[in-house]
Protein backbone atom coordinates (compact mmCIF):
# COMPACT_ATOMS: atom_id res chain seq x y z
CA UNK A 1 107.52 152.93 178.05
CA UNK A 2 106.86 154.53 175.25
CA UNK A 3 103.58 156.44 177.46
CA UNK A 4 106.08 159.14 178.11
CA UNK A 5 106.50 159.97 174.65
CA UNK A 6 102.74 160.58 174.26
CA UNK A 7 101.98 162.32 177.38
CA UNK A 8 104.63 164.77 176.71
CA UNK A 9 104.07 165.63 173.03
CA UNK A 10 100.98 166.44 173.98
CA UNK A 11 100.58 167.76 177.19
CA UNK A 12 103.54 170.29 177.20
CA UNK A 13 103.28 173.98 176.96
CA UNK A 14 105.71 175.61 174.67
CA UNK A 15 107.44 177.59 176.59
CA UNK A 16 106.36 181.64 177.03
CA UNK A 17 108.74 184.12 174.29
CA UNK A 18 110.71 187.14 175.90
CA UNK A 19 109.10 189.67 175.69
CA UNK A 20 112.34 192.09 174.73
CA UNK A 21 113.30 189.46 172.01
CA UNK A 22 111.49 190.25 169.46
CA UNK A 23 110.84 186.98 166.10
CA UNK A 24 113.31 188.31 163.80
CA UNK A 25 112.69 187.12 159.98
CA UNK A 26 115.85 186.24 159.21
CA UNK A 27 116.94 182.36 159.15
CA UNK A 28 119.12 182.02 162.02
CA UNK A 29 120.06 178.63 160.84
CA UNK A 30 121.24 177.90 156.91
CA UNK A 31 119.85 174.53 155.41
CA UNK A 32 122.39 171.90 154.46
CA UNK A 33 123.30 171.52 151.21
CA UNK A 34 122.60 167.74 150.73
CA UNK A 35 118.89 168.50 153.20
CA UNK A 36 115.82 167.21 151.18
CA UNK A 37 113.10 169.38 149.98
CA UNK A 38 109.94 169.47 152.03
CA UNK A 39 108.03 168.35 148.56
CA UNK A 40 109.97 165.25 148.06
CA UNK A 41 110.07 164.11 151.36
CA UNK A 42 107.13 162.02 153.45
CA UNK A 43 106.36 164.70 156.26
CA UNK A 44 105.23 161.79 158.82
CA UNK A 45 108.31 159.66 157.75
CA UNK A 46 111.41 161.19 159.54
CA UNK A 47 113.01 158.04 158.81
CA UNK A 48 112.63 158.35 154.71
CA UNK A 49 113.66 162.13 155.73
CA UNK A 50 116.95 161.05 157.65
CA UNK A 51 117.66 158.66 155.12
CA UNK A 52 118.17 161.16 152.05
CA UNK A 53 119.98 163.15 154.75
CA UNK A 54 122.69 160.05 154.63
CA UNK A 55 124.98 161.42 157.66
CA UNK A 56 122.60 160.06 160.78
CA UNK A 57 122.67 156.42 160.37
CA UNK A 58 123.45 155.72 163.76
CA UNK A 59 120.64 158.34 164.99
CA UNK A 60 118.06 156.01 162.50
CA UNK A 61 119.29 153.12 163.93
CA UNK A 62 118.52 154.33 167.86
CA UNK A 63 114.81 156.09 166.48
CA UNK A 64 113.66 152.09 165.21
CA UNK A 65 115.17 150.16 168.12
CA UNK A 66 113.44 152.35 170.37
CA UNK A 67 110.55 153.20 168.54
CA UNK A 68 110.47 156.22 168.90
CA UNK A 69 110.29 156.68 165.02
CA UNK A 70 107.16 154.67 164.50
CA UNK A 71 105.71 156.99 168.06
CA UNK A 72 106.87 160.10 166.22
CA UNK A 73 105.40 159.33 162.85
CA UNK A 74 101.93 158.74 164.67
CA UNK A 75 102.50 162.14 166.56
CA UNK A 76 102.76 163.96 162.80
CA UNK A 77 100.00 162.19 161.50
CA UNK A 78 97.74 163.07 164.60
CA UNK A 79 98.93 166.19 165.84
CA UNK A 80 96.96 169.81 164.34
CA UNK A 81 99.22 171.69 165.66
CA UNK A 82 102.60 172.07 168.00
CA UNK A 83 104.18 170.06 166.00
CA UNK A 84 108.03 168.83 166.59
CA UNK A 85 111.85 169.83 166.55
CA UNK A 86 114.18 167.03 167.06
CA UNK A 87 118.15 167.94 166.84
CA UNK A 88 119.46 165.61 165.09
CA UNK A 89 123.47 164.50 165.58
CA UNK A 90 124.94 163.12 162.83
CA UNK A 91 127.39 159.96 162.79
CA UNK A 92 130.05 162.07 162.95
CA UNK A 93 128.80 163.61 166.43
CA UNK A 94 127.94 159.59 167.78
CA UNK A 95 132.12 158.67 166.66
CA UNK A 96 133.20 161.60 169.40
CA UNK A 97 131.16 159.78 171.61
CA UNK A 98 133.22 157.64 174.77
CA UNK A 99 133.89 154.12 173.49
CA UNK A 100 131.11 151.83 174.38
CA UNK A 101 128.89 154.68 176.10
CA UNK A 102 125.98 153.61 173.74
CA UNK A 103 125.94 150.15 174.78
CA UNK A 104 126.39 151.08 178.34
CA UNK A 105 122.68 152.67 178.15
CA UNK A 106 119.87 150.31 178.95
CA UNK A 107 116.87 150.66 176.96
CA UNK A 108 114.72 153.20 179.63
CA UNK A 109 118.64 155.68 178.84
CA UNK A 110 118.67 154.83 175.25
CA UNK A 111 114.90 156.31 175.49
CA UNK A 112 115.89 158.98 177.14
CA UNK A 113 118.96 160.04 175.11
CA UNK A 114 116.36 160.49 172.36
CA UNK A 115 113.64 162.40 174.00
CA UNK A 116 116.17 164.80 175.46
CA UNK A 117 116.66 165.43 171.21
CA UNK A 118 112.97 166.34 170.81
CA UNK A 119 111.26 169.72 171.47
CA UNK A 120 107.53 169.14 171.57
CA UNK A 121 106.65 172.16 169.30
CA UNK A 122 107.96 173.52 166.00
CA UNK A 123 110.84 175.67 166.15
CA UNK A 124 111.60 177.71 162.71
CA UNK A 125 114.78 178.21 161.58
CA UNK A 126 114.13 182.06 162.67
CA UNK A 127 112.47 181.56 165.94
CA UNK A 128 115.75 180.19 168.26
CA UNK A 129 115.85 183.87 169.93
CA UNK A 130 112.76 183.64 170.95
CA UNK A 131 112.58 180.38 173.44
CA UNK A 132 112.41 180.53 177.19
CA UNK A 133 115.53 178.76 178.77
CA UNK A 134 115.77 176.03 180.07
CA UNK A 135 113.76 174.95 176.79
CA UNK A 136 111.28 171.94 177.63
CA UNK A 137 112.11 168.80 175.84
CA UNK A 138 110.01 165.51 175.57
CA UNK A 139 112.26 163.75 178.23
CA UNK A 140 110.98 166.06 180.80
CA UNK A 141 110.60 169.66 182.21
CA UNK A 142 113.00 169.43 185.76
CA UNK A 143 115.44 171.52 184.85
CA UNK A 144 117.78 170.09 188.12
CA UNK A 145 118.48 167.22 185.87
CA UNK A 146 116.93 167.73 182.29
CA UNK A 147 118.77 171.48 181.40
CA UNK A 148 119.05 172.39 177.72
CA UNK A 149 119.54 176.47 177.22
CA UNK A 150 119.44 177.37 173.64
CA UNK A 151 121.40 180.56 172.69
CA UNK A 152 121.07 182.45 169.62
CA UNK A 153 124.10 184.76 168.87
CA UNK A 154 123.98 186.49 165.56
CA UNK A 155 123.98 183.70 162.60
CA UNK A 156 125.29 180.99 165.51
CA UNK A 157 122.77 178.92 167.33
CA UNK A 158 124.36 176.97 170.53
CA UNK A 159 122.58 174.27 172.82
CA UNK A 160 123.99 173.79 176.55
CA UNK A 161 123.20 170.94 178.32
CA UNK A 162 125.73 171.48 181.80
CA UNK A 163 127.94 168.80 180.24
CA UNK A 164 128.43 169.24 176.75
CA UNK A 165 127.64 172.77 174.37
CA UNK A 166 126.62 171.67 171.19
CA UNK A 167 126.13 174.22 167.93
CA UNK A 168 123.38 173.76 165.13
CA UNK A 169 125.21 173.94 162.01
CA UNK A 170 122.35 173.18 159.90
CA UNK A 171 118.52 172.33 158.73
CA UNK A 172 118.04 169.13 157.61
CA UNK A 173 114.13 169.26 157.13
CA UNK A 174 111.22 172.32 157.57
CA UNK A 175 107.17 172.10 156.89
CA UNK A 176 104.87 173.60 159.46
CA UNK A 177 104.68 170.73 161.68
CA UNK A 178 108.31 169.57 161.38
CA UNK A 179 111.65 170.96 161.71
CA UNK A 180 114.91 168.80 162.08
CA UNK A 181 118.25 170.14 162.90
CA UNK A 182 121.30 168.73 162.63
CA UNK A 183 124.01 169.37 166.03
CA UNK A 184 127.65 168.76 166.08
CA UNK A 185 127.09 166.96 169.63
CA UNK A 186 125.00 164.55 171.24
CA UNK A 187 123.16 166.17 173.86
CA UNK A 188 123.82 164.36 176.80
CA UNK A 189 121.55 165.10 179.69
CA UNK A 190 123.19 166.02 182.77
CA UNK A 191 120.42 163.24 184.85
CA UNK A 192 123.02 160.78 183.06
CA UNK A 193 126.08 161.93 185.42
CA UNK A 194 124.08 163.03 188.54
CA UNK A 195 124.89 160.58 191.04
CA UNK A 196 122.00 160.10 193.25
CA UNK A 197 123.45 161.33 197.38
CA UNK A 198 123.49 158.01 199.49
CA UNK A 199 121.18 158.07 202.77
CA UNK A 200 122.11 158.97 205.33
CA UNK A 201 123.15 157.06 208.17
CA UNK A 202 120.56 156.74 210.81
CA UNK A 203 121.14 158.22 214.32
CA UNK A 204 122.10 156.14 217.06
CA UNK A 205 120.01 157.18 220.33
CA UNK A 206 121.97 158.11 222.87
CA UNK A 207 121.11 156.25 226.42
CA UNK A 208 119.13 159.09 228.78
CA UNK A 209 122.02 159.61 232.09
CA UNK A 210 119.14 158.01 234.39
CA UNK A 211 118.83 154.99 232.33
CA UNK A 212 123.63 154.89 232.62
CA UNK A 213 122.91 155.71 236.62
CA UNK A 214 120.29 152.78 236.74
CA UNK A 215 122.72 150.42 235.00
CA UNK A 216 125.49 151.27 237.24
CA UNK A 217 123.78 150.42 240.57
CA UNK A 218 122.35 147.06 239.19
CA UNK A 219 125.93 146.53 238.13
CA UNK A 220 127.13 147.23 241.73
CA UNK A 221 124.49 145.69 243.54
CA UNK A 222 125.07 142.53 241.53
CA UNK A 223 128.95 142.90 242.21
CA UNK A 224 127.94 143.34 246.22
CA UNK A 225 125.68 140.24 246.09
CA UNK A 226 128.59 137.95 244.25
CA UNK A 227 131.16 139.44 247.30
CA UNK A 228 128.77 138.41 249.90
CA UNK A 229 128.54 134.63 248.52
CA UNK A 230 132.28 134.44 248.44
CA UNK A 231 132.43 135.78 252.30
CA UNK A 232 129.71 133.34 253.40
CA UNK A 233 131.34 130.46 251.08
CA UNK A 234 134.47 130.83 253.25
CA UNK A 235 133.14 131.67 256.51
CA UNK A 236 131.03 128.35 256.27
CA UNK A 237 134.16 126.56 255.00
CA UNK A 238 136.42 127.82 257.98
CA UNK A 239 133.58 126.96 260.43
CA UNK A 240 133.29 124.05 259.49
CA UNK A 241 137.11 123.11 259.80
CA UNK A 242 136.81 124.46 263.17
CA UNK A 243 133.98 122.03 263.91
CA UNK A 244 135.91 119.13 262.83
CA UNK A 245 138.84 120.22 264.80
CA UNK A 246 137.09 119.57 268.14
CA UNK A 247 135.18 116.81 266.76
CA UNK A 248 138.94 115.08 266.74
CA UNK A 249 140.45 116.38 269.95
CA UNK A 250 137.24 114.92 271.76
CA UNK A 251 137.68 111.58 270.28
CA UNK A 252 141.22 111.79 271.54
């Protein structure tokens, strides 16, 4: 179940930057006032980072229950290049979900939901305008089921999933290998809301005209035989009655 996370993070290729959009040196996402400093946070423990940020209790609980948190920490300790970027919905973002939504998800869907918030590459706060859409996440790269588009306009960075439009409203944590950004909505993958089409019913094979004619001929033949048998029965009965009559007359 967790092999998917490792295979995606290790084999994913970072989207190629747009040639017409040079990287800006100005941060597009401001650091949050209460974000932990990289010097006093362990880069290999996102649980500690999110705890210091104080507003990610629901996300932390989900990351722990799905064991994705331990997978991320292992990835950060062993990865020598590439890094990770995490879009972190805060508790207010989870509160906007329909009541009972999280409880309606099975374990596999919860894992996919969390992986959809993780990019298998490090994206600095000044580099969002260099991403090519759709952006690949750890959840997969199918643009029809898991589209994630990032748009940078001035000092604003917006994310669209085909279901929700969210905004990155602050930098939670950043070092050379990990970036965590707070988003104001839970990024819901389109895959959760697209119903698979039911298979079309198998076509009924039409009978050939020759088979119809043959069947009709057989039915007519059977009807003729039945009529002939009925006629013979009637004629036999009549002849028997005449014969009996002659015998009676003779006896008289």
